[in-house]
Protein backbone atom coordinates (compact mmCIF):
# COMPACT_ATOMS: atom_id res chain seq x y z
CA MET A 1 133.92 137.24 102.65
CA LEU A 2 134.17 133.58 101.66
CA VAL A 3 130.94 132.83 103.54
CA LEU A 4 129.16 135.61 101.62
CA ILE A 5 130.30 134.29 98.27
CA PHE A 6 129.31 130.76 99.27
CA SER A 7 125.85 131.89 100.39
CA LEU A 8 125.35 133.83 97.11
CA VAL A 9 126.28 130.78 95.02
CA VAL A 10 123.93 128.53 97.08
CA GLY A 11 121.13 131.12 96.87
CA SER A 12 121.58 131.37 93.07
CA MET A 13 121.37 127.56 92.79
CA LEU A 14 118.18 127.55 94.87
CA VAL A 15 116.62 130.18 92.69
CA TYR A 16 117.50 128.22 89.58
CA ILE A 17 116.11 125.00 91.00
CA SER A 18 112.90 126.75 92.15
CA ARG A 19 112.35 128.50 88.83
CA PHE A 20 112.53 125.41 86.64
CA ASN A 21 111.11 122.78 89.02
CA PHE A 22 107.80 124.14 90.22
CA GLN A 23 105.43 121.54 88.81
CA PRO A 24 103.16 119.83 91.39
CA VAL A 25 103.95 116.29 92.44
CA SER A 26 102.46 113.91 95.00
CA VAL A 27 104.67 112.39 97.68
CA ASN A 28 103.91 109.06 99.37
CA LEU A 29 105.24 108.85 102.97
CA GLY A 30 104.12 105.39 104.07
CA PHE A 31 100.42 105.71 104.79
CA TYR A 32 100.38 109.50 104.18
CA VAL A 33 100.03 110.99 100.70
CA LEU A 34 100.87 114.63 100.16
CA ASN A 35 99.30 115.98 96.92
CA THR A 36 100.30 118.96 94.84
CA ILE A 37 103.61 119.77 96.47
CA PRO A 38 106.02 121.68 94.22
CA LEU A 39 108.96 119.64 93.08
CA PHE A 40 111.24 122.35 94.38
CA TYR A 41 110.15 121.64 97.94
CA VAL A 42 110.76 117.93 97.52
CA ILE A 43 114.28 118.59 96.15
CA ILE A 44 115.19 121.03 98.93
CA GLY A 45 113.61 118.78 101.63
CA SER A 46 115.60 115.75 100.50
CA LEU A 47 118.74 117.85 100.37
CA LEU A 48 118.18 119.08 103.95
CA ILE A 49 117.33 115.57 105.25
CA GLY A 50 120.53 114.25 103.61
CA LEU A 51 122.61 117.01 105.20
CA VAL A 52 121.08 116.40 108.63
CA LEU A 53 121.67 112.60 108.39
CA SER A 54 125.23 113.02 107.25
CA TYR A 55 125.91 115.48 110.07
CA LEU A 56 124.50 112.97 112.57
CA ALA A 57 126.78 110.25 111.18
CA TYR A 58 129.74 112.61 111.49
CA LEU A 59 128.75 113.47 115.02
CA VAL A 60 128.48 109.80 116.11
CA ASN A 61 131.95 109.12 114.49
CA SER A 62 133.43 112.16 116.24
CA ILE A 63 132.09 111.12 119.64
CA SER A 64 133.40 107.60 119.12
CA ASN A 65 136.85 108.94 118.22
CA SER A 66 136.90 111.21 121.27
CA PHE A 67 136.20 108.21 123.55
CA VAL A 68 138.97 106.24 121.90
CA LEU A 69 141.41 109.12 122.23
CA ARG A 70 140.48 109.64 125.89
CA GLY A 71 141.27 106.00 126.62
CA LYS A 72 144.64 106.30 124.83
CA ASP A 73 145.41 109.49 126.81
CA GLY A 74 144.84 107.61 130.03
CA GLU A 75 147.12 104.81 128.84
CA ILE A 76 149.84 107.27 127.87
CA ARG A 77 149.62 108.96 131.32
CA LYS A 78 149.93 105.57 132.99
CA ASN A 79 152.94 104.64 130.90
CA LYS A 80 154.65 107.96 131.55
CA ALA A 81 154.24 107.43 135.28
CA GLU A 82 155.72 103.96 134.94
CA VAL A 83 158.69 105.26 132.97
CA LEU A 84 159.26 107.95 135.67
CA GLU A 85 159.17 105.34 138.41
CA LEU A 86 161.56 103.08 136.52
CA THR A 87 163.93 105.97 135.93
CA LYS A 88 163.94 106.76 139.64
CA ARG A 89 164.64 103.03 140.40
CA VAL A 90 167.51 102.98 137.90
CA HIS A 91 169.01 106.06 139.48
CA GLN A 92 168.71 104.55 142.98
CA LEU A 93 170.44 101.42 141.76
CA GLU A 94 173.23 103.41 140.14
CA ILE A 95 173.82 105.20 143.45
CA LYS A 96 173.80 101.90 145.27
CA ASN A 97 176.23 100.47 142.72
CA GLU A 98 178.56 103.44 143.18
CA LYS A 99 178.50 102.94 146.96
CA LEU A 100 179.29 99.24 146.64
CA GLY A 101 182.15 99.99 144.23
CA LYS A 102 183.71 102.55 146.56
CA ASP A 103 183.30 100.28 149.61
CA SER A 104 185.00 97.33 147.95
CA GLY A 105 187.86 99.41 146.61
CA LEU A 106 187.61 97.89 143.17
CA VAL A 107 187.73 100.13 140.16
CA SER A 108 185.99 99.06 137.00
CA SER A 109 188.38 98.33 134.10
CA ASP A 110 185.67 99.03 131.51
CA ARG A 111 185.20 102.80 131.07
CA ASN A 112 181.84 102.31 129.35
CA ALA A 113 180.36 100.14 132.09
CA LEU A 114 177.44 101.48 134.10
């Protein structure tokens, strides 16, 4: 429904622009000269070219951001694997510490010690 309302508003604006801007103009495109083109076509053409160029700029920015995020995802994965490996190593050292404590017969006086 919102798309329908939006298209009606845009269509109404185009009709208004075409009705009051129909005088012929000449357009210089470098070495080419286009004579007797209605001003309405020039307005709509420049609007469409602007929209296409802004979309291309958005697309380049979006692709750049996706490459940056992909690199960050790889770094996060690598860091998670490192944390997992370090956690396993800490657990192994805790088990080894417990075995050494039981073998020596010494009991830790600090209850909060690892």
